[in-house]
Protein backbone atom coordinates (compact mmCIF):
# COMPACT_ATOMS: atom_id res chain seq x y z
CA MET A 1 33.77 -1.26 14.15
CA SER A 2 29.93 0.41 14.28
CA THR A 3 27.43 -2.06 14.42
CA ALA A 4 24.14 -0.96 12.80
CA PRO A 5 21.84 0.36 14.94
CA GLU A 6 19.05 -1.63 17.03
CA ARG A 7 15.67 -2.17 15.61
CA LYS A 8 12.74 -2.90 17.63
CA GLU A 9 11.12 -5.72 16.35
CA PHE A 10 7.67 -7.00 17.00
CA GLU A 11 6.44 -10.27 19.05
CA SER A 12 3.57 -10.27 16.85
CA SER A 13 6.06 -11.01 13.92
CA LYS A 14 5.63 -14.84 14.24
CA LYS A 15 2.14 -14.45 13.52
CA LEU A 16 2.36 -12.16 10.61
CA ARG A 17 4.80 -14.61 9.13
CA SER A 18 1.84 -17.20 10.04
CA VAL A 19 -0.93 -15.14 8.84
CA MET A 20 0.59 -14.50 5.63
CA GLY A 21 2.34 -17.65 4.93
CA GLN A 22 -1.54 -19.27 4.88
CA TYR A 23 -3.18 -16.45 2.83
CA PHE A 24 -0.25 -17.39 -0.07
CA ALA A 25 -0.67 -21.02 0.48
CA GLN A 26 -3.98 -20.62 -0.42
CA LEU A 27 -3.29 -19.14 -2.82
CA GLY A 28 -0.87 -22.04 -4.25
CA GLN A 29 -3.29 -24.89 -3.50
CA ALA A 30 -6.10 -22.85 -5.29
CA ALA A 31 -5.63 -25.08 -8.61
CA GLN A 32 -5.86 -28.48 -6.64
CA GLN A 33 -8.38 -27.24 -4.78
CA GLY A 34 -10.62 -26.25 -7.85
CA GLN A 35 -11.15 -22.55 -6.57
CA LYS A 36 -11.95 -19.73 -9.00
CA VAL A 37 -9.11 -17.29 -8.55
CA ALA A 38 -9.28 -13.44 -8.83
CA TRP A 39 -6.57 -10.78 -9.65
CA CYS A 40 -7.77 -7.51 -8.19
CA THR A 41 -5.93 -4.02 -7.83
CA SER A 42 -4.50 -2.97 -4.19
CA VAL A 43 -7.88 -0.62 -3.78
CA GLY A 44 -10.29 -2.79 -5.92
CA PRO A 45 -13.40 -4.43 -4.88
CA ALA A 46 -12.10 -7.02 -3.06
CA GLU A 47 -14.68 -7.50 -0.86
CA LEU A 48 -17.19 -8.28 -4.12
CA LEU A 49 -14.48 -10.95 -5.07
CA ARG A 50 -14.32 -12.53 -1.26
CA ALA A 51 -18.21 -12.56 -1.15
CA LEU A 52 -18.47 -14.90 -4.33
CA GLY A 53 -15.55 -16.96 -3.16
CA PHE A 54 -12.87 -15.67 -5.30
CA LEU A 55 -9.64 -16.19 -3.73
CA VAL A 56 -7.92 -12.72 -4.40
CA TYR A 57 -4.64 -12.53 -5.53
CA PHE A 58 -3.04 -8.58 -5.64
CA PRO A 59 -0.08 -8.00 -8.67
CA GLU A 60 0.71 -5.20 -6.69
CA ASN A 61 1.90 -6.82 -3.48
CA HIS A 62 3.82 -9.06 -5.99
CA GLY A 63 5.69 -5.90 -7.66
CA ALA A 64 6.48 -4.59 -3.68
CA MET A 65 7.69 -7.80 -3.22
CA LEU A 66 9.92 -7.88 -6.30
CA GLY A 67 11.77 -4.54 -5.10
CA ALA A 68 12.04 -5.57 -1.04
CA THR A 69 13.59 -8.57 -2.60
CA ARG A 70 15.94 -6.47 -5.34
CA MET A 71 15.00 -8.53 -8.13
CA ALA A 72 13.13 -5.46 -9.95
CA THR A 73 16.25 -3.89 -11.31
CA GLU A 74 16.90 -7.15 -13.30
CA LEU A 75 13.67 -7.64 -13.92
CA ILE A 76 12.31 -4.61 -15.20
CA PRO A 77 14.30 -4.53 -18.74
CA LEU A 78 12.61 -7.74 -20.01
CA ALA A 79 9.48 -6.08 -19.69
CA ASN A 80 10.54 -3.02 -21.44
CA ALA A 81 11.95 -5.23 -24.44
CA ARG A 82 8.25 -6.41 -24.66
CA GLY A 83 7.35 -2.61 -25.22
CA PHE A 84 6.36 -1.37 -21.91
CA SER A 85 8.04 2.34 -21.43
CA PRO A 86 11.19 2.52 -18.46
CA ASP A 87 8.95 5.65 -17.62
CA ILE A 88 5.67 3.69 -16.52
CA CYS A 89 4.98 2.18 -13.16
CA SER A 90 8.08 -0.42 -12.07
CA TYR A 91 5.77 -2.40 -10.20
CA LEU A 92 3.82 -3.19 -14.02
CA THR A 93 7.42 -3.76 -15.40
CA SER A 94 8.98 -5.84 -12.18
CA ASP A 95 5.80 -7.88 -12.37
CA ILE A 96 5.66 -8.15 -16.14
CA GLY A 97 9.47 -9.20 -16.12
CA SER A 98 9.30 -11.58 -13.22
CA PHE A 99 6.75 -13.30 -15.61
CA ILE A 100 8.57 -13.60 -18.47
CA LYS A 101 11.84 -14.87 -16.68
CA GLY A 102 9.78 -17.24 -14.29
CA GLU A 103 11.80 -15.85 -11.12
CA THR A 104 9.57 -14.42 -8.64
CA PRO A 105 10.21 -14.40 -4.53
CA LEU A 106 6.61 -16.88 -3.99
CA LYS A 107 8.87 -19.60 -5.27
CA LYS A 108 10.63 -19.06 -1.28
CA LEU A 109 6.96 -19.04 0.13
CA GLY A 110 6.29 -22.43 -1.80
CA LEU A 111 4.77 -21.47 -5.15
CA SER A 112 6.06 -21.93 -8.36
CA GLY A 113 4.31 -18.59 -9.58
CA PRO A 114 1.22 -16.03 -9.54
CA PRO A 115 -1.77 -18.11 -9.49
CA ARG A 116 -3.65 -18.66 -12.62
CA PRO A 117 -6.81 -15.92 -12.53
CA ASP A 118 -9.84 -17.20 -13.86
CA VAL A 119 -10.49 -13.10 -13.98
CA LEU A 120 -8.92 -9.81 -13.73
CA VAL A 121 -10.84 -6.49 -11.91
CA PHE A 122 -9.02 -3.21 -11.67
CA ASN A 123 -9.86 0.18 -10.32
CA THR A 124 -8.19 3.27 -11.96
CA ASN A 125 -8.55 5.22 -8.80
CA GLN A 126 -4.54 4.84 -8.12
CA CYS A 127 -3.81 5.14 -11.93
CA ARG A 128 -4.36 4.28 -15.39
CA ASP A 129 -1.49 1.78 -15.67
CA VAL A 130 -3.76 -0.67 -13.78
CA GLN A 131 -5.45 -1.24 -16.38
CA ASP A 132 -2.77 -1.68 -19.44
CA TRP A 133 -1.32 -4.19 -16.38
CA PHE A 134 -4.03 -6.48 -15.99
CA GLN A 135 -5.16 -6.41 -20.02
CA PHE A 136 -1.52 -7.63 -20.61
CA TYR A 137 -2.09 -10.68 -18.46
CA SER A 138 -6.20 -10.48 -20.08
CA ARG A 139 -4.86 -11.00 -23.34
CA TYR A 140 -1.98 -13.97 -22.32
CA PHE A 141 -4.44 -15.94 -20.13
CA GLU A 142 -7.73 -15.73 -22.01
CA VAL A 143 -9.67 -14.57 -19.16
CA PRO A 144 -11.80 -11.52 -19.18
CA CYS A 145 -10.55 -8.09 -17.83
CA LEU A 146 -13.42 -6.02 -15.73
CA GLY A 147 -12.55 -2.40 -14.62
CA VAL A 148 -13.87 0.42 -12.37
CA PHE A 149 -13.26 3.53 -14.14
CA THR A 150 -12.90 6.21 -10.87
CA PRO A 151 -12.31 10.07 -11.75
CA ARG A 152 -8.86 11.94 -10.77
CA ALA A 153 -8.00 14.64 -9.11
CA ILE A 154 -11.31 15.12 -6.96
CA GLY A 155 -11.95 17.56 -4.69
CA SER A 156 -15.51 17.58 -3.38
CA LEU A 157 -16.58 13.90 -3.18
CA SER A 158 -19.99 14.90 -4.59
CA GLU A 159 -23.03 12.30 -4.84
CA SER A 160 -22.97 11.89 -7.95
CA ILE A 161 -19.24 10.48 -8.21
CA ILE A 162 -20.60 7.94 -5.47
CA ASP A 163 -23.56 7.54 -7.47
CA ASP A 164 -21.17 6.75 -11.10
CA VAL A 165 -19.03 4.34 -9.46
CA ALA A 166 -21.42 2.38 -7.28
CA ARG A 167 -23.22 1.67 -10.42
CA GLN A 168 -20.19 0.22 -12.07
CA LEU A 169 -19.77 -1.96 -9.10
CA GLU A 170 -23.02 -3.14 -9.10
CA GLU A 171 -22.27 -3.62 -13.07
CA LEU A 172 -19.37 -6.13 -12.22
CA VAL A 173 -22.05 -8.59 -10.12
CA GLU A 174 -23.65 -10.36 -13.09
CA PRO A 175 -20.17 -11.11 -15.01
CA LEU A 176 -18.31 -12.21 -11.84
CA GLU A 177 -21.54 -14.68 -11.10
CA LYS A 178 -21.18 -16.01 -14.44
CA ILE A 179 -17.16 -16.56 -13.87
CA ALA A 180 -17.67 -17.87 -10.26
CA ALA A 181 -20.67 -20.33 -11.52
CA MET A 182 -22.87 -18.74 -8.24
CA ARG A 183 -25.03 -16.28 -7.41
CA LEU A 184 -24.08 -13.45 -4.95
CA ASP A 185 -25.54 -13.34 -1.52
CA PRO A 186 -25.93 -10.19 -0.47
CA GLY A 187 -25.95 -11.20 3.60
CA ARG A 188 -22.43 -12.80 2.82
CA LEU A 189 -21.26 -9.72 1.26
CA SER A 190 -22.53 -7.20 4.12
CA GLU A 191 -20.28 -9.98 6.46
CA VAL A 192 -17.09 -9.39 4.25
CA ILE A 193 -17.44 -5.95 4.32
CA GLU A 194 -18.23 -5.80 8.05
CA LEU A 195 -15.14 -7.66 8.37
CA SER A 196 -13.28 -5.17 5.86
CA ARG A 197 -14.39 -2.13 8.31
CA GLN A 198 -13.28 -4.22 11.23
CA CYS A 199 -9.39 -4.45 9.93
CA THR A 200 -9.58 -1.00 8.95
CA VAL A 201 -10.64 0.69 12.04
CA LEU A 202 -7.77 -1.41 13.77
CA TRP A 203 -5.01 -0.61 10.92
CA LYS A 204 -5.72 2.73 11.43
CA ALA A 205 -5.88 3.01 15.42
CA VAL A 206 -2.35 0.90 14.73
CA LEU A 207 -0.88 3.75 12.62
CA GLU A 208 -2.36 6.19 15.26
CA THR A 209 -0.23 5.04 17.80
CA ALA A 210 2.61 6.55 16.84
CA ALA A 211 1.06 9.87 17.87
CA GLN A 212 2.37 9.01 21.10
CA ARG A 213 5.92 10.37 21.76
CA PRO A 214 8.19 8.24 21.85
CA SER A 215 6.32 6.42 19.10
CA PRO A 216 6.04 2.84 19.10
CA ILE A 217 6.62 2.34 15.40
CA THR A 218 7.67 3.73 12.73
CA PHE A 219 6.74 4.18 8.84
CA PHE A 220 8.88 1.27 8.26
CA ASP A 221 7.63 -0.92 9.87
CA GLY A 222 4.39 0.24 9.14
CA THR A 223 5.20 -0.60 5.16
CA THR A 224 5.51 -4.87 6.71
CA GLN A 225 2.92 -4.53 8.91
CA MET A 226 0.16 -3.33 6.74
CA GLY A 227 0.62 -6.86 4.62
CA PRO A 228 -2.88 -8.08 5.89
CA ALA A 229 -4.49 -4.82 5.35
CA VAL A 230 -3.54 -4.97 1.54
CA VAL A 231 -4.42 -8.60 0.77
CA LEU A 232 -6.70 -10.24 3.74
CA ARG A 233 -9.44 -7.52 4.11
CA GLY A 234 -12.78 -9.22 4.44
CA GLU A 235 -10.92 -11.73 6.33
CA GLN A 236 -11.20 -12.91 9.90
CA ALA A 237 -7.55 -13.45 9.97
CA ALA A 238 -6.90 -9.50 9.19
CA VAL A 239 -8.84 -8.39 12.06
CA GLU A 240 -7.20 -10.88 14.47
CA TYR A 241 -3.83 -9.95 13.70
CA TYR A 242 -4.35 -6.50 14.08
CA GLN A 243 -5.85 -6.91 17.56
CA VAL A 244 -2.62 -8.63 18.50
CA LEU A 245 -0.67 -5.96 17.44
CA LEU A 246 -2.67 -3.41 18.47
CA ASP A 247 -2.43 -4.97 22.00
CA GLU A 248 1.65 -4.86 21.89
CA LEU A 249 1.43 -1.30 20.69
CA ARG A 250 -0.18 -0.19 23.35
CA GLN A 251 1.61 -2.18 26.06
CA ARG A 252 4.91 -0.44 23.98
CA ILE A 253 3.35 3.06 24.93
CA ALA A 254 2.91 1.65 28.04
CA ASP A 255 6.16 0.74 29.04
CA GLY A 256 7.74 3.31 27.09
CA VAL A 257 9.43 1.35 24.52
CA ALA A 258 10.42 3.53 21.79
CA ALA A 259 10.78 2.57 17.92
CA VAL A 260 13.29 5.07 18.03
CA ALA A 261 15.58 5.32 21.04
CA GLY A 262 16.62 8.67 22.24
CA GLU A 263 13.76 10.28 19.68
CA ARG A 264 14.65 14.05 18.65
CA PHE A 265 12.66 14.55 15.44
CA ARG A 266 9.40 13.41 13.90
CA LEU A 267 9.06 13.28 9.91
CA TYR A 268 5.96 12.42 7.88
CA TRP A 269 6.94 10.41 5.04
CA GLU A 270 4.93 11.42 1.33
CA GLY A 271 4.90 9.04 -1.35
CA MET A 272 6.13 5.80 -1.84
CA PRO A 273 7.91 3.20 -0.34
CA ILE A 274 11.81 3.04 -1.61
CA TRP A 275 11.49 -0.80 -1.38
CA GLY A 276 14.98 -2.48 -2.24
CA LYS A 277 16.14 0.38 0.81
CA LEU A 278 13.88 0.52 3.46
CA ARG A 279 16.61 -1.31 5.88
CA PRO A 280 19.39 0.96 5.45
CA LEU A 281 17.07 4.11 5.34
CA ALA A 282 15.32 2.75 8.42
CA GLU A 283 18.81 2.10 10.33
CA GLN A 284 19.60 5.94 9.11
CA PHE A 285 16.77 7.39 10.69
CA ILE A 286 17.80 5.46 13.75
CA GLU A 287 21.27 6.54 13.99
CA LEU A 288 20.08 10.07 13.80
CA LYS A 289 17.45 9.62 16.72
CA THR A 290 14.96 10.50 14.00
CA CYS A 291 11.53 8.75 13.49
CA VAL A 292 9.12 8.80 10.36
CA VAL A 293 5.97 8.74 12.26
CA ALA A 294 3.36 8.81 9.59
CA SER A 295 3.10 8.53 5.87
CA THR A 296 0.32 8.95 3.35
CA TYR A 297 1.19 5.61 2.15
CA CYS A 298 0.50 3.32 4.68
CA ASN A 299 -2.79 4.95 5.19
CA SER A 300 -4.11 4.42 1.88
CA TRP A 301 -5.53 1.51 3.08
CA VAL A 302 -7.90 2.82 5.76
CA PHE A 303 -11.49 2.60 4.56
CA GLU A 304 -13.77 3.91 7.15
CA ALA A 305 -16.74 4.37 4.89
CA LEU A 306 -17.48 0.65 4.22
CA ASP A 307 -20.92 0.02 5.65
CA PRO A 308 -22.09 -3.49 5.61
CA ALA A 309 -25.74 -1.92 5.51
CA ASP A 310 -24.98 -0.08 2.11
CA PRO A 311 -22.65 -2.10 0.51
CA PHE A 312 -21.88 -0.88 -2.93
CA ARG A 313 -22.29 3.14 -2.10
CA SER A 314 -20.04 2.45 0.60
CA MET A 315 -17.23 0.63 -1.54
CA ALA A 316 -17.52 3.39 -3.74
CA ARG A 317 -17.19 6.03 -1.01
CA ALA A 318 -14.13 4.17 0.23
CA TYR A 319 -12.36 3.53 -3.08
CA THR A 320 -12.73 6.96 -4.15
CA SER A 321 -11.99 8.75 -0.78
CA ILE A 322 -8.52 7.82 -1.01
CA PHE A 323 -5.47 10.42 -1.15
CA ILE A 324 -3.62 9.67 -4.76
CA CYS A 325 -7.20 10.20 -6.67
CA ARG A 326 -8.06 13.10 -4.65
CA SER A 327 -7.47 17.35 -5.79
CA ASP A 328 -4.10 18.62 -4.22
CA PRO A 329 -5.88 21.20 -2.10
CA GLU A 330 -7.58 18.15 -0.60
CA LYS A 331 -4.30 16.59 -0.28
CA GLU A 332 -2.66 19.39 1.06
CA ASP A 333 -5.80 19.65 4.08
CA TYR A 334 -4.80 15.84 4.81
CA ILE A 335 -0.97 16.39 5.23
CA ALA A 336 -1.54 19.51 7.48
CA HIS A 337 -4.43 17.64 9.24
CA MET A 338 -1.35 14.61 9.91
CA ALA A 339 1.12 17.31 10.23
CA GLN A 340 -0.79 18.28 13.46
CA GLN A 341 -1.98 14.95 14.90
CA PHE A 342 1.50 13.34 14.77
CA SER A 343 3.30 16.17 16.05
CA ILE A 344 5.68 16.65 12.76
CA ASP A 345 9.02 18.53 12.82
CA GLY A 346 9.49 18.26 8.70
CA ILE A 347 8.29 16.08 5.73
CA ILE A 348 10.22 14.12 3.42
CA PHE A 349 8.72 13.74 0.18
CA HIS A 350 9.71 10.98 -2.33
CA ASP A 351 9.66 11.77 -5.90
CA ALA A 352 9.48 8.30 -7.49
CA LYS A 353 10.54 8.53 -11.23
CA THR A 354 8.08 5.99 -12.32
CA CYS A 355 5.15 7.10 -10.09
CA PRO A 356 4.19 10.30 -10.77
CA ASN A 357 0.27 9.72 -9.76
CA ASN A 358 1.49 9.03 -6.13
CA SER A 359 4.70 11.66 -6.14
CA ASN A 360 3.23 15.17 -4.80
CA ASN A 361 6.15 16.90 -4.86
CA ARG A 362 6.21 18.30 -8.80
CA TYR A 363 3.66 21.27 -8.73
CA GLY A 364 4.75 23.27 -6.12
CA MET A 365 3.07 21.32 -3.08
CA PRO A 366 5.82 21.16 -0.96
CA GLN A 367 6.63 24.84 -1.05
CA ARG A 368 2.90 25.27 0.00
CA LEU A 369 2.83 22.97 2.57
CA ARG A 370 6.33 25.09 3.84
CA ASP A 371 4.68 28.16 3.87
CA ARG A 372 1.00 27.10 5.58
CA LEU A 373 2.60 24.84 8.29
CA GLY A 374 6.18 26.15 8.86
CA LYS A 375 7.40 23.20 8.45
CA PRO A 376 10.78 22.54 6.44
CA TYR A 377 11.23 19.68 4.05
CA LEU A 378 13.34 17.48 1.92
CA ILE A 379 12.81 15.88 -1.42
CA ILE A 380 14.45 12.01 -2.09
CA ASN A 381 14.77 11.46 -5.79
CA GLY A 382 14.29 7.66 -6.09
CA ASP A 383 11.72 5.01 -7.39
CA LEU A 384 9.39 2.11 -5.85
CA ASN A 385 11.56 -0.48 -7.30
CA ASP A 386 13.80 0.52 -9.76
CA LEU A 387 17.22 1.29 -7.65
CA ARG A 388 18.94 2.31 -11.14
CA LEU A 389 16.83 5.52 -10.06
CA TYR A 390 18.11 6.05 -6.55
CA SER A 391 21.42 7.49 -5.29
CA GLU A 392 22.12 5.86 -2.09
CA GLU A 393 25.02 7.91 -1.33
CA GLN A 394 23.60 11.12 -2.47
CA THR A 395 20.24 10.25 -0.10
CA ARG A 396 22.22 9.37 2.74
CA THR A 397 24.11 12.99 2.47
CA ASN A 398 20.50 14.74 2.13
CA ILE A 399 19.05 13.30 4.81
CA GLN A 400 21.77 13.81 7.14
CA ALA A 401 22.15 17.47 6.26
CA PHE A 402 18.25 17.71 6.53
CA VAL A 403 18.36 16.49 10.10
CA GLU A 404 21.30 18.53 10.97
CA GLN A 405 19.15 21.62 9.80
CA LEU A 406 16.06 20.37 11.79
CA ALA A 407 18.73 20.35 14.94
CA GLU A 408 19.51 24.07 13.88
CA SER A 409 16.31 25.79 13.70
């Protein structure tokens, strides 16, 4: 009888569970403690919200949880029945379906559901769907919905763009102060931004350990380990956790411990995770002695431009520099750099049906990068949450054939 391949668990995972558990416990106690709650998009101004004393909740993180627990597929049709198209973001439709049905993985963490918001704050640097998503809850809870509107397909990041986004961030201060019932302390904002900066520097260092051969970490590990960078940036707990994880990874490197035993090939993952199939995908790549060493997705929470001495402009620069809102030439330059840094042998593009904003295979990019880098590519058709759009058998066959192609080249 065949057994599942061994996955290298992290000793720091216990601390990760504790850190994330404390975060959700705080959210669950918000009402009893009389604390204000802000819902924020994952690449929104969380630092500003924390500086004003809000507990910050991220619906996209909840969407990923719904995908990872495979609850999403049965919840999405409930949102479709409310008028939300099957073609739009399945984070959105699974989250709203969860709200309609009252079913959520948060119950296993001691919460009855997401905390009631006092305000919702979005940034369109990812897509327009976040605006419609947050406005649904704004109407339901009858609370304000505030937004930052970031340009898309940005080539050179001009000072005029930074000026515009910084101005929009500054304009959030007055309405947020009224909701928080407190004035913004510039010193506190600088402290939070410095903690975010430290978090992002450590998270980048964690990801860069995968440049070692063999790699001590995979993309699939990263999708779990990124939790604090998403929901706790600006908090000391995130900084402390990533220092522990980085120390463990450096020890793995020193000891020659590989995330994928007998690593033969190294791949780059472009696009969203397939949340409900992370484990079987990870295990297949281990079987094939192939390590997915880097990704666009996990690097989406690296914000090195944050500067406590220049809070609003540095937030604007950091959150406008992200991969998803850049032009194709900028994206291709980024992937080319990553391919060299991580010594990759090929690229996997995930074409996520409901996420056109983070599916970069539809306008010739794979072919252009193949010609530029001389690296083969594979396109996987699927989705971030809706598993009805994913064929596991076809994907396994295609991955097997792709790795065989690498072996023959």
